């Protein structure tokens, strides 16, 4: 039976343990995703508390990270999603971007930091592209490309 979290607290504690174990074992998000049949972005989002993992994927990742049975079960629960606690936009289109960042924001940050280092993606030296494409299942899809220059933080 699928279980669900009632508050983000339990998942936040698990996420902190996962990040600690990942760092201690010097594992990448890709190495953890490779233990499953799921995408890099999905596994990263799940380990950052935004998605449940199927039982087999949870067991594989837990084995790599050395997680307990309780933590492995928690990886399979449906989380309280979202990571941006503040005002909510009211425009429907903007809200959907807000929703995307609620679910995938920590994943994007983690993957950018892992691949580039400590820094940001510029929204000044930046391009965006939106294309409408046919959806094979019917209707249309939006392909949105965000292309920003990586800017490392510089110690001073």
N, C-alpha and C. Protein backbone atom coordinates (compact mmCIF):
# COMPACT_ATOMS: atom_id res chain seq x y z
N UNK A 1 0.83 -1.17 0.00
CA UNK A 1 0.00 0.00 0.00
C UNK A 1 0.89 1.25 0.00
N UNK A 2 0.58 2.19 -0.88
CA UNK A 2 1.32 3.44 -0.92
C UNK A 2 1.01 4.27 0.32
N UNK A 3 2.05 4.88 0.86
CA UNK A 3 1.90 5.74 2.03
C UNK A 3 2.26 7.17 1.62
N UNK A 4 1.80 8.12 2.41
CA UNK A 4 2.08 9.52 2.11
C UNK A 4 2.56 10.26 3.36
N UNK A 5 3.41 11.25 3.15
CA UNK A 5 3.85 12.10 4.25
C UNK A 5 2.78 13.14 4.52
N UNK A 6 2.58 13.52 5.77
CA UNK A 6 1.61 14.55 6.13
C UNK A 6 2.25 15.93 6.21
N UNK A 7 3.55 15.95 6.48
CA UNK A 7 4.29 17.22 6.55
C UNK A 7 5.64 17.01 5.86
N UNK A 8 6.31 18.10 5.48
CA UNK A 8 7.62 17.95 4.84
C UNK A 8 8.75 17.62 5.81
N UNK A 9 8.48 17.63 7.10
CA UNK A 9 9.54 17.46 8.10
C UNK A 9 10.26 16.12 7.97
N UNK A 10 9.48 15.01 7.89
CA UNK A 10 10.11 13.69 7.83
C UNK A 10 11.00 13.58 6.60
N UNK A 11 10.50 14.06 5.47
CA UNK A 11 11.27 13.95 4.23
C UNK A 11 12.50 14.85 4.28
N UNK A 12 12.38 16.01 4.92
CA UNK A 12 13.53 16.91 5.06
C UNK A 12 14.65 16.25 5.85
N UNK A 13 14.28 15.55 6.90
CA UNK A 13 15.28 14.84 7.71
C UNK A 13 15.94 13.74 6.90
N UNK A 14 15.15 13.00 6.11
CA UNK A 14 15.71 11.96 5.25
C UNK A 14 16.64 12.57 4.21
N UNK A 15 16.22 13.67 3.60
CA UNK A 15 17.05 14.34 2.59
C UNK A 15 18.39 14.75 3.18
N UNK A 16 18.38 15.28 4.39
CA UNK A 16 19.63 15.66 5.04
C UNK A 16 20.54 14.44 5.23
N UNK A 17 19.97 13.30 5.62
CA UNK A 17 20.76 12.06 5.77
C UNK A 17 21.32 11.59 4.44
N UNK A 18 20.51 11.71 3.39
CA UNK A 18 20.95 11.28 2.06
C UNK A 18 22.11 12.14 1.58
N UNK A 19 21.97 13.44 1.72
CA UNK A 19 23.04 14.35 1.28
C UNK A 19 24.32 14.07 2.06
N UNK A 20 24.19 13.81 3.36
CA UNK A 20 25.36 13.49 4.18
C UNK A 20 26.01 12.18 3.71
N UNK A 21 25.21 11.14 3.50
CA UNK A 21 25.75 9.84 3.05
C UNK A 21 26.37 9.96 1.67
N UNK A 22 25.75 10.70 0.78
CA UNK A 22 26.28 10.92 -0.58
C UNK A 22 27.65 11.58 -0.51
N UNK A 23 27.77 12.59 0.34
CA UNK A 23 29.05 13.30 0.49
C UNK A 23 30.11 12.41 1.13
N UNK A 24 29.73 11.69 2.19
CA UNK A 24 30.69 10.82 2.87
C UNK A 24 31.25 9.75 1.95
N UNK A 25 30.40 9.25 1.05
CA UNK A 25 30.82 8.19 0.15
C UNK A 25 31.30 8.72 -1.21
N UNK A 26 31.30 10.04 -1.35
CA UNK A 26 31.76 10.70 -2.57
C UNK A 26 31.06 10.15 -3.82
N UNK A 27 29.73 10.03 -3.71
CA UNK A 27 28.92 9.54 -4.83
C UNK A 27 28.32 10.71 -5.60
N UNK A 28 28.10 10.53 -6.87
CA UNK A 28 27.41 11.54 -7.68
C UNK A 28 25.94 11.16 -7.79
N UNK A 29 25.12 12.14 -8.17
CA UNK A 29 23.71 11.85 -8.43
C UNK A 29 23.60 10.82 -9.56
N UNK A 30 24.48 10.92 -10.55
CA UNK A 30 24.45 9.98 -11.67
C UNK A 30 24.73 8.55 -11.19
N UNK A 31 25.70 8.39 -10.29
CA UNK A 31 26.00 7.05 -9.77
C UNK A 31 24.80 6.48 -9.03
N UNK A 32 24.09 7.32 -8.30
CA UNK A 32 22.90 6.85 -7.60
C UNK A 32 21.79 6.51 -8.58
N UNK A 33 21.60 7.35 -9.59
CA UNK A 33 20.58 7.08 -10.61
C UNK A 33 20.90 5.81 -11.39
N UNK A 34 22.19 5.57 -11.65
CA UNK A 34 22.60 4.37 -12.40
C UNK A 34 22.21 3.08 -11.69
N UNK A 35 21.99 3.15 -10.39
CA UNK A 35 21.58 1.96 -9.63
C UNK A 35 20.10 1.63 -9.88
N UNK A 36 19.39 2.51 -10.57
CA UNK A 36 17.97 2.33 -10.85
C UNK A 36 17.75 2.30 -12.36
N UNK A 37 16.53 2.10 -12.77
CA UNK A 37 16.15 2.21 -14.18
C UNK A 37 15.45 3.53 -14.45
N UNK A 38 15.69 4.52 -13.60
CA UNK A 38 15.02 5.82 -13.69
C UNK A 38 16.00 6.89 -14.15
N UNK A 39 15.45 8.03 -14.57
CA UNK A 39 16.29 9.13 -15.08
C UNK A 39 17.06 9.81 -13.95
N UNK A 40 18.12 10.45 -14.35
CA UNK A 40 18.95 11.22 -13.42
C UNK A 40 18.12 12.29 -12.71
N UNK A 41 17.35 13.06 -13.47
CA UNK A 41 16.56 14.14 -12.87
C UNK A 41 15.52 13.59 -11.89
N UNK A 42 14.86 12.50 -12.25
CA UNK A 42 13.83 11.95 -11.36
C UNK A 42 14.45 11.43 -10.06
N UNK A 43 15.54 10.68 -10.17
CA UNK A 43 16.17 10.12 -8.97
C UNK A 43 16.70 11.24 -8.08
N UNK A 44 17.32 12.24 -8.69
CA UNK A 44 17.82 13.36 -7.90
C UNK A 44 16.68 14.07 -7.19
N UNK A 45 15.59 14.33 -7.90
CA UNK A 45 14.43 14.97 -7.29
C UNK A 45 13.88 14.12 -6.15
N UNK A 46 13.83 12.81 -6.36
CA UNK A 46 13.32 11.91 -5.32
C UNK A 46 14.22 11.95 -4.08
N UNK A 47 15.52 11.92 -4.30
CA UNK A 47 16.44 11.93 -3.16
C UNK A 47 16.46 13.28 -2.45
N UNK A 48 16.03 14.32 -3.15
CA UNK A 48 15.91 15.64 -2.53
C UNK A 48 14.50 15.88 -1.98
N UNK A 49 13.69 14.82 -1.93
CA UNK A 49 12.41 14.88 -1.25
C UNK A 49 11.21 15.25 -2.10
N UNK A 50 11.33 15.21 -3.42
CA UNK A 50 10.25 15.68 -4.28
C UNK A 50 9.43 14.57 -4.94
N UNK A 51 9.90 13.33 -4.91
CA UNK A 51 9.19 12.21 -5.52
C UNK A 51 9.37 10.95 -4.67
N UNK A 52 8.44 10.01 -4.75
CA UNK A 52 8.68 8.69 -4.15
C UNK A 52 9.48 7.84 -5.13
N UNK A 53 10.22 6.90 -4.62
CA UNK A 53 10.91 5.93 -5.48
C UNK A 53 10.17 4.60 -5.42
N UNK A 54 10.11 3.88 -6.54
CA UNK A 54 9.59 2.51 -6.50
C UNK A 54 10.45 1.67 -5.55
N UNK A 55 9.89 0.60 -5.03
CA UNK A 55 10.58 -0.23 -4.03
C UNK A 55 11.95 -0.69 -4.49
N UNK A 56 12.06 -1.18 -5.74
CA UNK A 56 13.35 -1.68 -6.20
C UNK A 56 14.39 -0.56 -6.31
N UNK A 57 13.98 0.60 -6.77
CA UNK A 57 14.89 1.74 -6.88
C UNK A 57 15.29 2.22 -5.49
N UNK A 58 14.33 2.28 -4.57
CA UNK A 58 14.63 2.70 -3.20
C UNK A 58 15.64 1.76 -2.55
N UNK A 59 15.46 0.46 -2.75
CA UNK A 59 16.39 -0.52 -2.18
C UNK A 59 17.79 -0.38 -2.77
N UNK A 60 17.87 -0.16 -4.08
CA UNK A 60 19.17 -0.04 -4.75
C UNK A 60 19.92 1.21 -4.27
N UNK A 61 19.21 2.32 -4.19
CA UNK A 61 19.84 3.56 -3.73
C UNK A 61 20.21 3.46 -2.26
N UNK A 62 19.32 2.88 -1.46
CA UNK A 62 19.59 2.73 -0.03
C UNK A 62 20.83 1.88 0.21
N UNK A 63 21.01 0.83 -0.60
CA UNK A 63 22.20 -0.01 -0.45
C UNK A 63 23.47 0.78 -0.73
N UNK A 64 23.44 1.60 -1.77
CA UNK A 64 24.62 2.42 -2.10
C UNK A 64 24.91 3.44 -1.00
N UNK A 65 23.85 4.00 -0.40
CA UNK A 65 24.03 5.04 0.60
C UNK A 65 24.15 4.51 2.02
N UNK A 66 23.83 3.23 2.23
CA UNK A 66 23.87 2.66 3.57
C UNK A 66 22.72 3.16 4.45
N UNK A 67 21.54 3.30 3.85
CA UNK A 67 20.37 3.77 4.60
C UNK A 67 19.71 2.62 5.36
N UNK A 68 19.00 2.96 6.42
CA UNK A 68 18.29 1.98 7.24
C UNK A 68 17.03 1.50 6.53
N UNK A 69 16.42 0.44 7.07
CA UNK A 69 15.15 -0.05 6.52
C UNK A 69 14.07 1.03 6.60
N UNK A 70 14.02 1.76 7.71
CA UNK A 70 13.04 2.83 7.87
C UNK A 70 13.26 3.93 6.82
N UNK A 71 14.50 4.31 6.59
CA UNK A 71 14.79 5.32 5.57
C UNK A 71 14.44 4.82 4.18
N UNK A 72 14.66 3.54 3.92
CA UNK A 72 14.31 2.94 2.63
C UNK A 72 12.79 2.99 2.43
N UNK A 73 12.03 2.71 3.46
CA UNK A 73 10.57 2.82 3.37
C UNK A 73 10.14 4.26 3.13
N UNK A 74 10.80 5.20 3.80
CA UNK A 74 10.46 6.61 3.66
C UNK A 74 10.71 7.09 2.23
N UNK A 75 11.72 6.55 1.56
CA UNK A 75 11.99 6.91 0.16
C UNK A 75 10.82 6.55 -0.75
N UNK A 76 9.99 5.62 -0.31
CA UNK A 76 8.87 5.15 -1.12
C UNK A 76 7.56 5.89 -0.82
N UNK A 77 7.56 6.74 0.20
CA UNK A 77 6.34 7.47 0.53
C UNK A 77 6.15 8.65 -0.43
N UNK A 78 4.90 9.03 -0.63
CA UNK A 78 4.58 10.18 -1.46
C UNK A 78 4.84 11.42 -0.61
N UNK A 79 5.76 12.29 -1.05
CA UNK A 79 6.14 13.42 -0.21
C UNK A 79 5.18 14.60 -0.32
N UNK A 80 5.29 15.51 0.62
CA UNK A 80 4.69 16.83 0.50
C UNK A 80 5.67 17.61 -0.37
N UNK A 81 5.27 17.88 -1.60
CA UNK A 81 6.19 18.49 -2.56
C UNK A 81 6.28 20.00 -2.38
N UNK A 82 7.38 20.53 -2.84
CA UNK A 82 7.60 21.97 -2.83
C UNK A 82 8.79 22.33 -1.98
N UNK A 83 9.51 23.33 -2.45
CA UNK A 83 10.71 23.72 -1.73
C UNK A 83 10.86 25.24 -1.67
N UNK A 84 9.83 26.00 -2.08
CA UNK A 84 9.90 27.46 -2.08
C UNK A 84 8.77 27.99 -1.20
N UNK A 85 9.00 28.11 0.10
CA UNK A 85 7.91 28.55 0.98
C UNK A 85 7.79 30.07 1.01
N UNK A 86 6.91 30.63 0.22
CA UNK A 86 6.69 32.07 0.22
C UNK A 86 5.43 32.37 -0.57
N UNK A 87 5.34 33.56 -1.13
CA UNK A 87 4.16 33.96 -1.89
C UNK A 87 3.98 33.10 -3.13
N UNK A 88 2.74 32.86 -3.48
CA UNK A 88 2.40 32.04 -4.64
C UNK A 88 1.90 32.96 -5.75
N UNK A 89 2.45 32.83 -6.98
CA UNK A 89 1.96 33.64 -8.09
C UNK A 89 0.50 33.30 -8.41
N UNK A 90 -0.24 34.26 -8.95
CA UNK A 90 -1.64 34.03 -9.27
C UNK A 90 -1.89 33.82 -10.75
N UNK A 91 -1.03 34.32 -11.63
CA UNK A 91 -1.19 34.08 -13.06
C UNK A 91 -0.98 32.60 -13.33
N UNK A 92 -1.91 31.94 -14.05
CA UNK A 92 -1.80 30.49 -14.25
C UNK A 92 -0.50 30.03 -14.92
N UNK A 93 -0.03 30.74 -15.92
CA UNK A 93 1.21 30.34 -16.59
C UNK A 93 2.41 30.49 -15.66
N UNK A 94 2.48 31.62 -14.99
CA UNK A 94 3.59 31.84 -14.06
C UNK A 94 3.51 30.85 -12.91
N UNK A 95 2.31 30.56 -12.44
CA UNK A 95 2.15 29.58 -11.38
C UNK A 95 2.73 28.22 -11.79
N UNK A 96 2.52 27.82 -13.04
CA UNK A 96 3.04 26.52 -13.48
C UNK A 96 4.57 26.49 -13.44
N UNK A 97 5.20 27.62 -13.78
CA UNK A 97 6.67 27.68 -13.64
C UNK A 97 7.06 27.62 -12.17
N UNK A 98 6.30 28.30 -11.34
CA UNK A 98 6.52 28.24 -9.90
C UNK A 98 6.41 26.79 -9.42
N UNK A 99 5.37 26.09 -9.88
CA UNK A 99 5.17 24.69 -9.52
C UNK A 99 6.36 23.83 -9.98
N UNK A 100 6.82 24.06 -11.20
CA UNK A 100 7.98 23.31 -11.71
C UNK A 100 9.20 23.52 -10.83
N UNK A 101 9.43 24.78 -10.42
CA UNK A 101 10.58 25.06 -9.57
C UNK A 101 10.39 24.53 -8.16
N UNK A 102 9.14 24.49 -7.68
CA UNK A 102 8.87 23.88 -6.38
C UNK A 102 9.32 22.43 -6.38
N UNK A 103 9.02 21.72 -7.45
CA UNK A 103 9.32 20.30 -7.52
C UNK A 103 10.76 20.04 -7.95
N UNK A 104 11.27 20.79 -8.93
CA UNK A 104 12.58 20.49 -9.52
C UNK A 104 13.67 21.50 -9.19
N UNK A 105 13.36 22.56 -8.42
CA UNK A 105 14.35 23.59 -8.11
C UNK A 105 15.58 23.05 -7.39
N UNK A 106 15.37 22.25 -6.35
CA UNK A 106 16.52 21.71 -5.62
C UNK A 106 17.29 20.73 -6.49
N UNK A 107 16.59 20.04 -7.39
CA UNK A 107 17.26 19.11 -8.31
C UNK A 107 18.15 19.87 -9.28
N UNK A 108 17.61 20.93 -9.88
CA UNK A 108 18.41 21.74 -10.81
C UNK A 108 19.63 22.31 -10.10
N UNK A 109 19.44 22.85 -8.90
CA UNK A 109 20.56 23.41 -8.14
C UNK A 109 21.61 22.34 -7.85
N UNK A 110 21.18 21.18 -7.41
CA UNK A 110 22.13 20.11 -7.08
C UNK A 110 22.91 19.65 -8.31
N UNK A 111 22.22 19.50 -9.44
CA UNK A 111 22.90 19.05 -10.66
C UNK A 111 23.84 20.12 -11.19
N UNK A 112 23.45 21.39 -11.15
CA UNK A 112 24.33 22.48 -11.58
C UNK A 112 25.55 22.55 -10.68
N UNK A 113 25.34 22.49 -9.37
CA UNK A 113 26.47 22.54 -8.44
C UNK A 113 27.41 21.36 -8.65
N UNK A 114 26.87 20.18 -8.87
CA UNK A 114 27.71 19.01 -9.06
C UNK A 114 28.51 19.09 -10.36
N UNK A 115 27.89 19.58 -11.42
CA UNK A 115 28.56 19.62 -12.72
C UNK A 115 29.46 20.83 -12.90
N UNK A 116 29.13 21.98 -12.26
CA UNK A 116 29.88 23.21 -12.48
C UNK A 116 30.64 23.68 -11.25
N UNK A 117 30.15 23.38 -10.07
CA UNK A 117 30.73 23.89 -8.84
C UNK A 117 29.76 24.85 -8.16
N UNK A 118 30.28 25.59 -7.19
CA UNK A 118 29.46 26.52 -6.42
C UNK A 118 29.29 27.80 -7.22
N UNK A 119 28.08 28.05 -7.68
CA UNK A 119 27.83 29.25 -8.47
C UNK A 119 26.37 29.32 -8.87
N UNK A 120 26.10 30.20 -9.84
CA UNK A 120 24.73 30.42 -10.29
C UNK A 120 24.68 30.42 -11.81
N UNK A 121 23.49 30.31 -12.33
CA UNK A 121 23.25 30.49 -13.76
C UNK A 121 22.72 31.91 -13.92
N UNK A 122 23.38 32.70 -14.74
CA UNK A 122 23.02 34.09 -14.93
C UNK A 122 21.66 34.23 -15.58
N UNK A 123 20.87 35.16 -15.08
CA UNK A 123 19.64 35.54 -15.75
C UNK A 123 19.85 36.85 -16.50
N UNK A 124 21.07 37.35 -16.51
CA UNK A 124 21.43 38.56 -17.26
C UNK A 124 22.09 38.14 -18.57
N UNK A 125 23.12 37.30 -18.50
CA UNK A 125 23.74 36.73 -19.70
C UNK A 125 22.97 35.43 -19.97
N UNK A 126 21.83 35.56 -20.64
CA UNK A 126 20.82 34.51 -20.62
C UNK A 126 19.97 34.56 -21.88
N UNK A 127 19.63 33.40 -22.41
CA UNK A 127 18.65 33.34 -23.50
C UNK A 127 17.59 32.32 -23.14
N UNK A 128 16.43 32.50 -23.73
CA UNK A 128 15.34 31.57 -23.52
C UNK A 128 14.70 31.31 -24.88
N UNK A 129 14.27 30.09 -25.08
CA UNK A 129 13.61 29.74 -26.33
C UNK A 129 12.39 28.90 -26.01
N UNK A 130 11.31 29.18 -26.68
CA UNK A 130 10.08 28.41 -26.51
C UNK A 130 9.65 27.94 -27.88
N UNK A 131 9.45 26.64 -28.00
CA UNK A 131 8.99 26.07 -29.26
C UNK A 131 7.75 25.23 -29.02
N UNK A 132 6.85 25.31 -29.96
CA UNK A 132 5.65 24.47 -29.93
C UNK A 132 5.92 23.27 -30.82
N UNK A 133 5.72 22.08 -30.27
CA UNK A 133 5.91 20.85 -31.03
C UNK A 133 4.68 19.98 -30.87
N UNK A 134 4.48 19.11 -31.85
CA UNK A 134 3.36 18.17 -31.77
C UNK A 134 3.65 17.11 -30.72
N UNK A 135 2.63 16.77 -29.96
CA UNK A 135 2.72 15.69 -28.99
C UNK A 135 2.27 14.41 -29.68
N UNK A 136 3.10 13.37 -29.69
CA UNK A 136 2.70 12.12 -30.35
C UNK A 136 1.39 11.55 -29.80
N UNK A 137 1.06 11.88 -28.57
CA UNK A 137 -0.18 11.40 -27.97
C UNK A 137 -1.36 12.31 -28.29
N UNK A 138 -1.11 13.34 -29.09
CA UNK A 138 -2.16 14.29 -29.45
C UNK A 138 -1.93 15.63 -28.79
N UNK A 139 -2.36 16.68 -29.45
CA UNK A 139 -2.20 18.02 -28.89
C UNK A 139 -0.82 18.57 -29.15
N UNK A 140 -0.41 19.49 -28.31
CA UNK A 140 0.88 20.16 -28.46
C UNK A 140 1.67 20.12 -27.17
N UNK A 141 2.97 20.34 -27.30
CA UNK A 141 3.87 20.42 -26.16
C UNK A 141 4.68 21.69 -26.30
N UNK A 142 5.14 22.23 -25.18
CA UNK A 142 6.03 23.38 -25.18
C UNK A 142 7.43 22.90 -24.83
N UNK A 143 8.41 23.25 -25.67
CA UNK A 143 9.80 22.96 -25.38
C UNK A 143 10.44 24.29 -24.98
N UNK A 144 10.86 24.39 -23.75
CA UNK A 144 11.40 25.63 -23.21
C UNK A 144 12.88 25.42 -22.90
N UNK A 145 13.72 26.23 -23.52
CA UNK A 145 15.16 26.14 -23.30
C UNK A 145 15.62 27.39 -22.55
N UNK A 146 16.24 27.19 -21.43
CA UNK A 146 16.83 28.27 -20.64
C UNK A 146 18.34 28.15 -20.79
N UNK A 147 19.00 29.16 -21.30
CA UNK A 147 20.44 29.10 -21.59
C UNK A 147 21.12 30.26 -20.89
N UNK A 148 21.70 30.00 -19.73
CA UNK A 148 22.34 31.05 -18.94
C UNK A 148 23.81 30.75 -18.73
N UNK A 149 24.60 31.81 -18.67
CA UNK A 149 26.03 31.66 -18.40
C UNK A 149 26.24 31.27 -16.94
N UNK A 150 27.12 30.30 -16.72
CA UNK A 150 27.46 29.88 -15.37
C UNK A 150 28.42 30.91 -14.78
N UNK A 151 28.11 31.35 -13.58
CA UNK A 151 28.97 32.31 -12.86
C UNK A 151 29.38 31.72 -11.52
N UNK A 152 30.65 31.38 -11.36
CA UNK A 152 31.10 30.80 -10.08
C UNK A 152 31.17 31.86 -8.99
N UNK A 153 30.88 31.44 -7.77
CA UNK A 153 31.12 32.31 -6.63
C UNK A 153 32.65 32.37 -6.43
N UNK A 154 33.15 33.54 -6.13
CA UNK A 154 34.60 33.74 -5.98
C UNK A 154 34.87 34.12 -4.52
N UNK A 155 35.71 33.33 -3.84
CA UNK A 155 36.05 33.69 -2.46
C UNK A 155 36.76 35.05 -2.41
N UNK A 156 36.52 35.80 -1.36
CA UNK A 156 37.20 37.09 -1.21
C UNK A 156 37.64 37.28 0.22
